[in-house]
Amino acid sequence: MEKKWVKDEETEKAALLSETEAKKTSLMQSANNQIAPLQDAVDLDMATDVEKQTLADWKKYRVLLNRVDISTAPNIDWPPEPA
C-alpha cells in the first residue's frame, strides 16, 4: 500500500495567519517607534515643519496598517512605509 502525502490546508492557513499577524505587529511597532519622538517634539512645541509632516505621514501609515485584514493572507496589499 502506497502512502500519500496529505496536505493539511487548515494548518498551513493557520501558520500563514500567524506569520502575517507577526509581520503586522512588527510593522506597527516600527511605526510607533517612529511616531513617539516626533509626537514628543510636537507636544513640546519643538517640532520643525519637516518633523510635523513626517509625523502626519507616519500616523497615516499606522492607520492604513491597522486596517490591513490579515485574514486575506497571502493576498495583502501592505501600505508603503513613509520615505
PDB file of N, CA and C in Angstrom:
ATOM      1  N   MET A   1       0.840  -1.179   0.000  1.00  0.00           N
ATOM      2  CA  MET A   1       0.000   0.000   0.000  1.00  0.00           C
ATOM      3  C   MET A   1       0.889   1.248   0.000  1.00  0.00           C
ATOM      4  N   GLU A   2       0.661   2.076  -0.963  1.00  0.00           N
ATOM      5  CA  GLU A   2       1.466   3.291  -1.104  1.00  0.00           C
ATOM      6  C   GLU A   2       0.897   4.396  -0.213  1.00  0.00           C
ATOM      7  N   LYS A   3       1.796   5.028   0.524  1.00  0.00           N
ATOM      8  CA  LYS A   3       1.371   6.145   1.382  1.00  0.00           C
ATOM      9  C   LYS A   3       1.440   7.428   0.570  1.00  0.00           C
ATOM     10  N   LYS A   4       0.430   8.235   0.730  1.00  0.00           N
ATOM     11  CA  LYS A   4       0.391   9.511   0.017  1.00  0.00           C
ATOM     12  C   LYS A   4       0.507  10.651   1.009  1.00  0.00           C
ATOM     13  N   TRP A   5       1.150  11.677   0.548  1.00  0.00           N
ATOM     14  CA  TRP A   5       1.282  12.893   1.353  1.00  0.00           C
ATOM     15  C   TRP A   5      -0.062  13.613   1.346  1.00  0.00           C
ATOM     16  N   VAL A   6      -0.532  13.958   2.525  1.00  0.00           N
ATOM     17  CA  VAL A   6      -1.793  14.677   2.641  1.00  0.00           C
ATOM     18  C   VAL A   6      -1.485  16.106   3.064  1.00  0.00           C
ATOM     19  N   LYS A   7      -1.917  17.020   2.271  1.00  0.00           N
ATOM     20  CA  LYS A   7      -1.680  18.435   2.553  1.00  0.00           C
ATOM     21  C   LYS A   7      -2.708  18.915   3.577  1.00  0.00           C
ATOM     22  N   ASP A   8      -2.203  19.465   4.672  1.00  0.00           N
ATOM     23  CA  ASP A   8      -3.081  19.964   5.734  1.00  0.00           C
ATOM     24  C   ASP A   8      -3.283  21.461   5.516  1.00  0.00           C
ATOM     25  N   GLU A   9      -4.280  21.782   4.726  1.00  0.00           N
ATOM     26  CA  GLU A   9      -4.513  23.176   4.352  1.00  0.00           C
ATOM     27  C   GLU A   9      -4.906  24.040   5.544  1.00  0.00           C
ATOM     28  N   GLU A  10      -5.615  23.457   6.486  1.00  0.00           N
ATOM     29  CA  GLU A  10      -6.027  24.227   7.664  1.00  0.00           C
ATOM     30  C   GLU A  10      -4.809  24.642   8.494  1.00  0.00           C
ATOM     31  N   THR A  11      -3.864  23.728   8.656  1.00  0.00           N
ATOM     32  CA  THR A  11      -2.646  24.039   9.404  1.00  0.00           C
ATOM     33  C   THR A  11      -1.804  25.063   8.651  1.00  0.00           C
ATOM     34  N   GLU A  12      -1.728  24.912   7.332  1.00  0.00           N
ATOM     35  CA  GLU A  12      -0.980  25.878   6.523  1.00  0.00           C
ATOM     36  C   GLU A  12      -1.586  27.272   6.637  1.00  0.00           C
ATOM     37  N   LYS A  13      -2.905  27.356   6.593  1.00  0.00           N
ATOM     38  CA  LYS A  13      -3.583  28.650   6.696  1.00  0.00           C
ATOM     39  C   LYS A  13      -3.341  29.265   8.071  1.00  0.00           C
ATOM     40  N   ALA A  14      -3.384  28.448   9.120  1.00  0.00           N
ATOM     41  CA  ALA A  14      -3.135  28.946  10.477  1.00  0.00           C
ATOM     42  C   ALA A  14      -1.710  29.473  10.606  1.00  0.00           C
ATOM     43  N   ALA A  15      -0.757  28.763  10.014  1.00  0.00           N
ATOM     44  CA  ALA A  15       0.638  29.206  10.058  1.00  0.00           C
ATOM     45  C   ALA A  15       0.809  30.510   9.293  1.00  0.00           C
ATOM     46  N   LEU A  16       0.171  30.607   8.144  1.00  0.00           N
ATOM     47  CA  LEU A  16       0.249  31.825   7.341  1.00  0.00           C
ATOM     48  C   LEU A  16      -0.361  33.006   8.087  1.00  0.00           C
ATOM     49  N   LEU A  17      -1.495  32.793   8.736  1.00  0.00           N
ATOM     50  CA  LEU A  17      -2.123  33.862   9.518  1.00  0.00           C
ATOM     51  C   LEU A  17      -1.226  34.290  10.669  1.00  0.00           C
ATOM     52  N   SER A  18      -0.587  33.324  11.306  1.00  0.00           N
ATOM     53  CA  SER A  18       0.313  33.636  12.415  1.00  0.00           C
ATOM     54  C   SER A  18       1.500  34.473  11.935  1.00  0.00           C
ATOM     55  N   GLU A  19       2.085  34.074  10.811  1.00  0.00           N
ATOM     56  CA  GLU A  19       3.205  34.829  10.237  1.00  0.00           C
ATOM     57  C   GLU A  19       2.772  36.242   9.848  1.00  0.00           C
ATOM     58  N   THR A  20       1.601  36.348   9.257  1.00  0.00           N
ATOM     59  CA  THR A  20       1.095  37.644   8.815  1.00  0.00           C
ATOM     60  C   THR A  20       0.801  38.546  10.005  1.00  0.00           C
ATOM     61  N   GLU A  21       0.237  37.975  11.050  1.00  0.00           N
ATOM     62  CA  GLU A  21      -0.037  38.751  12.257  1.00  0.00           C
ATOM     63  C   GLU A  21       1.260  39.244  12.891  1.00  0.00           C
ATOM     64  N   ALA A  22       2.288  38.394  12.898  1.00  0.00           N
ATOM     65  CA  ALA A  22       3.588  38.789  13.442  1.00  0.00           C
ATOM     66  C   ALA A  22       4.196  39.924  12.617  1.00  0.00           C
ATOM     67  N   LYS A  23       4.061  39.845  11.294  1.00  0.00           N
ATOM     68  CA  LYS A  23       4.582  40.916  10.430  1.00  0.00           C
ATOM     69  C   LYS A  23       3.849  42.220  10.706  1.00  0.00           C
ATOM     70  N   LYS A  24       2.525  42.157  10.820  1.00  0.00           N
ATOM     71  CA  LYS A  24       1.742  43.363  11.084  1.00  0.00           C
ATOM     72  C   LYS A  24       2.132  43.967  12.428  1.00  0.00           C
ATOM     73  N   THR A  25       2.305  43.129  13.433  1.00  0.00           N
ATOM     74  CA  THR A  25       2.705  43.600  14.760  1.00  0.00           C
ATOM     75  C   THR A  25       4.075  44.268  14.707  1.00  0.00           C
ATOM     76  N   SER A  26       4.996  43.664  13.980  1.00  0.00           N
ATOM     77  CA  SER A  26       6.342  44.225  13.847  1.00  0.00           C
ATOM     78  C   SER A  26       6.313  45.575  13.127  1.00  0.00           C
ATOM     79  N   LEU A  27       5.547  45.657  12.052  1.00  0.00           N
ATOM     80  CA  LEU A  27       5.437  46.921  11.316  1.00  0.00           C
ATOM     81  C   LEU A  27       4.770  47.999  12.168  1.00  0.00           C
ATOM     82  N   MET A  28       3.772  47.607  12.949  1.00  0.00           N
ATOM     83  CA  MET A  28       3.089  48.559  13.821  1.00  0.00           C
ATOM     84  C   MET A  28       4.054  49.078  14.893  1.00  0.00           C
ATOM     85  N   GLN A  29       4.871  48.188  15.447  1.00  0.00           N
ATOM     86  CA  GLN A  29       5.841  48.606  16.459  1.00  0.00           C
ATOM     87  C   GLN A  29       6.867  49.564  15.858  1.00  0.00           C
ATOM     88  N   SER A  30       7.292  49.282  14.647  1.00  0.00           N
ATOM     89  CA  SER A  30       8.230  50.166  13.961  1.00  0.00           C
ATOM     90  C   SER A  30       7.615  51.551  13.762  1.00  0.00           C
ATOM     91  N   ALA A  31       6.353  51.583  13.357  1.00  0.00           N
ATOM     92  CA  ALA A  31       5.659  52.863  13.181  1.00  0.00           C
ATOM     93  C   ALA A  31       5.550  53.600  14.509  1.00  0.00           C
ATOM     94  N   ASN A  32       5.194  52.886  15.560  1.00  0.00           N
ATOM     95  CA  ASN A  32       5.107  53.506  16.887  1.00  0.00           C
ATOM     96  C   ASN A  32       6.445  54.104  17.308  1.00  0.00           C
ATOM     97  N   ASN A  33       7.536  53.397  17.002  1.00  0.00           N
ATOM     98  CA  ASN A  33       8.873  53.888  17.351  1.00  0.00           C
ATOM     99  C   ASN A  33       9.233  55.155  16.576  1.00  0.00           C
ATOM    100  N   GLN A  34       8.740  55.279  15.358  1.00  0.00           N
ATOM    101  CA  GLN A  34       8.981  56.488  14.567  1.00  0.00           C
ATOM    102  C   GLN A  34       8.117  57.645  15.063  1.00  0.00           C
ATOM    103  N   ILE A  35       6.889  57.337  15.444  1.00  0.00           N
ATOM    104  CA  ILE A  35       5.927  58.365  15.838  1.00  0.00           C
ATOM    105  C   ILE A  35       6.250  58.980  17.191  1.00  0.00           C
ATOM    106  N   ALA A  36       6.656  58.181  18.151  1.00  0.00           N
ATOM    107  CA  ALA A  36       6.823  58.655  19.533  1.00  0.00           C
ATOM    108  C   ALA A  36       7.711  59.896  19.665  1.00  0.00           C
ATOM    109  N   PRO A  37       8.948  59.899  19.144  1.00  0.00           N
ATOM    110  CA  PRO A  37       9.771  61.099  19.322  1.00  0.00           C
ATOM    111  C   PRO A  37       9.257  62.304  18.532  1.00  0.00           C
ATOM    112  N   LEU A  38       8.634  62.040  17.393  1.00  0.00           N
ATOM    113  CA  LEU A  38       8.060  63.143  16.618  1.00  0.00           C
ATOM    114  C   LEU A  38       6.881  63.759  17.362  1.00  0.00           C
ATOM    115  N   GLN A  39       6.062  62.913  17.973  1.00  0.00           N
ATOM    116  CA  GLN A  39       4.932  63.409  18.750  1.00  0.00           C
ATOM    117  C   GLN A  39       5.423  64.201  19.955  1.00  0.00           C
ATOM    118  N   ASP A  40       6.513  63.742  20.574  1.00  0.00           N
ATOM    119  CA  ASP A  40       7.099  64.484  21.697  1.00  0.00           C
ATOM    120  C   ASP A  40       7.498  65.888  21.259  1.00  0.00           C
ATOM    121  N   ALA A  41       8.133  65.983  20.099  1.00  0.00           N
ATOM    122  CA  ALA A  41       8.564  67.289  19.592  1.00  0.00           C
ATOM    123  C   ALA A  41       7.365  68.203  19.351  1.00  0.00           C
ATOM    124  N   VAL A  42       6.288  67.657  18.812  1.00  0.00           N
ATOM    125  CA  VAL A  42       5.071  68.447  18.586  1.00  0.00           C
ATOM    126  C   VAL A  42       4.473  68.870  19.919  1.00  0.00           C
ATOM    127  N   ASP A  43       4.365  67.936  20.848  1.00  0.00           N
ATOM    128  CA  ASP A  43       3.769  68.228  22.157  1.00  0.00           C
ATOM    129  C   ASP A  43       4.522  69.319  22.909  1.00  0.00           C
ATOM    130  N   LEU A  44       5.828  69.383  22.699  1.00  0.00           N
ATOM    131  CA  LEU A  44       6.664  70.366  23.387  1.00  0.00           C
ATOM    132  C   LEU A  44       6.895  71.625  22.555  1.00  0.00           C
ATOM    133  N   ASP A  45       6.160  71.767  21.467  1.00  0.00           N
ATOM    134  CA  ASP A  45       6.308  72.907  20.551  1.00  0.00           C
ATOM    135  C   ASP A  45       7.745  73.075  20.074  1.00  0.00           C
ATOM    136  N   MET A  46       8.394  71.957  19.805  1.00  0.00           N
ATOM    137  CA  MET A  46       9.778  71.970  19.343  1.00  0.00           C
ATOM    138  C   MET A  46       9.917  71.404  17.924  1.00  0.00           C
ATOM    139  N   ALA A  47       8.822  70.980  17.327  1.00  0.00           N
ATOM    140  CA  ALA A  47       8.878  70.301  16.029  1.00  0.00           C
ATOM    141  C   ALA A  47       9.077  71.287  14.887  1.00  0.00           C
ATOM    142  N   THR A  48       9.918  70.881  13.957  1.00  0.00           N
ATOM    143  CA  THR A  48      10.081  71.650  12.726  1.00  0.00           C
ATOM    144  C   THR A  48       8.922  71.304  11.786  1.00  0.00           C
ATOM    145  N   ASP A  49       8.785  72.071  10.723  1.00  0.00           N
ATOM    146  CA  ASP A  49       7.742  71.772   9.739  1.00  0.00           C
ATOM    147  C   ASP A  49       7.948  70.387   9.121  1.00  0.00           C
ATOM    148  N   VAL A  50       9.201  70.033   8.887  1.00  0.00           N
ATOM    149  CA  VAL A  50       9.510  68.712   8.327  1.00  0.00           C
ATOM    150  C   VAL A  50       9.100  67.617   9.311  1.00  0.00           C
ATOM    151  N   GLU A  51       9.391  67.809  10.588  1.00  0.00           N
ATOM    152  CA  GLU A  51       9.008  66.815  11.600  1.00  0.00           C
ATOM    153  C   GLU A  51       7.488  66.688  11.707  1.00  0.00           C
ATOM    154  N   LYS A  52       6.789  67.792  11.598  1.00  0.00           N
ATOM    155  CA  LYS A  52       5.319  67.746  11.648  1.00  0.00           C
ATOM    156  C   LYS A  52       4.760  66.954  10.472  1.00  0.00           C
ATOM    157  N   GLN A  53       5.311  67.181   9.286  1.00  0.00           N
ATOM    158  CA  GLN A  53       4.849  66.440   8.108  1.00  0.00           C
ATOM    159  C   GLN A  53       5.217  64.964   8.217  1.00  0.00           C
ATOM    160  N   THR A  54       6.414  64.699   8.708  1.00  0.00           N
ATOM    161  CA  THR A  54       6.842  63.311   8.889  1.00  0.00           C
ATOM    162  C   THR A  54       5.933  62.593   9.877  1.00  0.00           C
ATOM    163  N   LEU A  55       5.561  63.277  10.944  1.00  0.00           N
ATOM    164  CA  LEU A  55       4.641  62.705  11.931  1.00  0.00           C
ATOM    165  C   LEU A  55       3.298  62.375  11.282  1.00  0.00           C
ATOM    166  N   ALA A  56       2.775  63.293  10.505  1.00  0.00           N
ATOM    167  CA  ALA A  56       1.498  63.058   9.826  1.00  0.00           C
ATOM    168  C   ALA A  56       1.591  61.861   8.875  1.00  0.00           C
ATOM    169  N   ASP A  57       2.710  61.760   8.158  1.00  0.00           N
ATOM    170  CA  ASP A  57       2.904  60.642   7.228  1.00  0.00           C
ATOM    171  C   ASP A  57       2.930  59.303   7.970  1.00  0.00           C
ATOM    172  N   TRP A  58       3.661  59.258   9.087  1.00  0.00           N
ATOM    173  CA  TRP A  58       3.744  58.020   9.867  1.00  0.00           C
ATOM    174  C   TRP A  58       2.408  57.669  10.508  1.00  0.00           C
ATOM    175  N   LYS A  59       1.663  58.659  10.952  1.00  0.00           N
ATOM    176  CA  LYS A  59       0.345  58.380  11.539  1.00  0.00           C
ATOM    177  C   LYS A  59      -0.611  57.836  10.480  1.00  0.00           C
ATOM    178  N   LYS A  60      -0.558  58.402   9.281  1.00  0.00           N
ATOM    179  CA  LYS A  60      -1.398  57.902   8.189  1.00  0.00           C
ATOM    180  C   LYS A  60      -1.031  56.455   7.878  1.00  0.00           C
ATOM    181  N   TYR A  61       0.263  56.174   7.816  1.00  0.00           N
ATOM    182  CA  TYR A  61       0.736  54.809   7.576  1.00  0.00           C
ATOM    183  C   TYR A  61       0.215  53.864   8.653  1.00  0.00           C
ATOM    184  N   ARG A  62       0.280  54.294   9.903  1.00  0.00           N
ATOM    185  CA  ARG A  62      -0.171  53.452  11.010  1.00  0.00           C
ATOM    186  C   ARG A  62      -1.669  53.155  10.904  1.00  0.00           C
ATOM    187  N   VAL A  63      -2.454  54.142  10.510  1.00  0.00           N
ATOM    188  CA  VAL A  63      -3.895  53.921  10.318  1.00  0.00           C
ATOM    189  C   VAL A  63      -4.128  52.899   9.202  1.00  0.00           C
ATOM    190  N   LEU A  64      -3.439  53.078   8.082  1.00  0.00           N
ATOM    191  CA  LEU A  64      -3.596  52.146   6.960  1.00  0.00           C
ATOM    192  C   LEU A  64      -3.145  50.741   7.347  1.00  0.00           C
ATOM    193  N   LEU A  65      -2.057  50.662   8.092  1.00  0.00           N
ATOM    194  CA  LEU A  65      -1.556  49.375   8.560  1.00  0.00           C
ATOM    195  C   LEU A  65      -2.558  48.708   9.494  1.00  0.00           C
ATOM    196  N   ASN A  66      -3.155  49.487  10.358  1.00  0.00           N
ATOM    197  CA  ASN A  66      -4.145  48.950  11.292  1.00  0.00           C
ATOM    198  C   ASN A  66      -5.359  48.384  10.559  1.00  0.00           C
ATOM    199  N   ARG A  67      -5.652  48.919   9.391  1.00  0.00           N
ATOM    200  CA  ARG A  67      -6.804  48.466   8.605  1.00  0.00           C
ATOM    201  C   ARG A  67      -6.528  47.209   7.787  1.00  0.00           C
ATOM    202  N   VAL A  68      -5.281  46.764   7.755  1.00  0.00           N
ATOM    203  CA  VAL A  68      -4.941  45.560   6.999  1.00  0.00           C
ATOM    204  C   VAL A  68      -5.670  44.364   7.608  1.00  0.00           C
ATOM    205  N   ASP A  69      -6.375  43.642   6.750  1.00  0.00           N
ATOM    206  CA  ASP A  69      -7.118  42.455   7.169  1.00  0.00           C
ATOM    207  C   ASP A  69      -6.238  41.231   6.942  1.00  0.00           C
ATOM    208  N   ILE A  70      -5.664  40.714   8.025  1.00  0.00           N
ATOM    209  CA  ILE A  70      -4.736  39.592   7.878  1.00  0.00           C
ATOM    210  C   ILE A  70      -5.430  38.311   7.431  1.00  0.00           C
ATOM    211  N   SER A  71      -6.740  38.262   7.542  1.00  0.00           N
ATOM    212  CA  SER A  71      -7.452  37.048   7.126  1.00  0.00           C
ATOM    213  C   SER A  71      -7.403  36.849   5.614  1.00  0.00           C
ATOM    214  N   THR A  72      -6.971  37.868   4.887  1.00  0.00           N
ATOM    215  CA  THR A  72      -6.869  37.754   3.435  1.00  0.00           C
ATOM    216  C   THR A  72      -5.496  37.262   2.984  1.00  0.00           C
ATOM    217  N   ALA A  73      -4.616  36.946   3.941  1.00  0.00           N
ATOM    218  CA  ALA A  73      -3.272  36.464   3.605  1.00  0.00           C
ATOM    219  C   ALA A  73      -3.373  35.233   2.713  1.00  0.00           C
ATOM    220  N   PRO A  74      -2.512  35.102   1.738  1.00  0.00           N
ATOM    221  CA  PRO A  74      -1.326  35.903   1.465  1.00  0.00           C
ATOM    222  C   PRO A  74      -1.579  37.093   0.539  1.00  0.00           C
ATOM    223  N   ASN A  75      -2.812  37.363   0.215  1.00  0.00           N
ATOM    224  CA  ASN A  75      -3.140  38.440  -0.731  1.00  0.00           C
ATOM    225  C   ASN A  75      -3.335  39.766  -0.009  1.00  0.00           C
ATOM    226  N   ILE A  76      -2.262  40.255   0.585  1.00  0.00           N
ATOM    227  CA  ILE A  76      -2.335  41.500   1.344  1.00  0.00           C
ATOM    228  C   ILE A  76      -1.567  42.583   0.608  1.00  0.00           C
ATOM    229  N   ASP A  77      -2.193  43.725   0.484  1.00  0.00           N
ATOM    230  CA  ASP A  77      -1.558  44.894  -0.122  1.00  0.00           C
ATOM    231  C   ASP A  77      -1.078  45.776   1.029  1.00  0.00           C
ATOM    232  N   TRP A  78       0.163  45.534   1.472  1.00  0.00           N
ATOM    233  CA  TRP A  78       0.710  46.286   2.599  1.00  0.00           C
ATOM    234  C   TRP A  78       0.931  47.745   2.195  1.00  0.00           C
ATOM    235  N   PRO A  79       0.585  48.693   3.064  1.00  0.00           N
ATOM    236  CA  PRO A  79       0.856  50.097   2.735  1.00  0.00           C
ATOM    237  C   PRO A  79       2.367  50.345   2.755  1.00  0.00           C
ATOM    238  N   PRO A  80       2.846  51.222   1.888  1.00  0.00           N
ATOM    239  CA  PRO A  80       4.287  51.513   1.887  1.00  0.00           C
ATOM    240  C   PRO A  80       4.662  52.391   3.082  1.00  0.00           C
ATOM    241  N   GLU A  81       5.841  52.110   3.651  1.00  0.00           N
ATOM    242  CA  GLU A  81       6.333  52.953   4.747  1.00  0.00           C
ATOM    243  C   GLU A  81       6.639  54.343   4.209  1.00  0.00           C
ATOM    244  N   PRO A  82       6.449  55.358   5.044  1.00  0.00           N
ATOM    245  CA  PRO A  82       6.809  56.715   4.616  1.00  0.00           C
ATOM    246  C   PRO A  82       8.297  56.807   4.284  1.00  0.00           C
ATOM    247  N   ALA A  83       8.614  57.700   3.383  1.00  0.00           N
ATOM    248  CA  ALA A  83      10.013  57.883   2.964  1.00  0.00           C
ATOM    249  C   ALA A  83      10.822  58.563   4.040  1.00  0.00           C
TER     250      ALA A  83
END
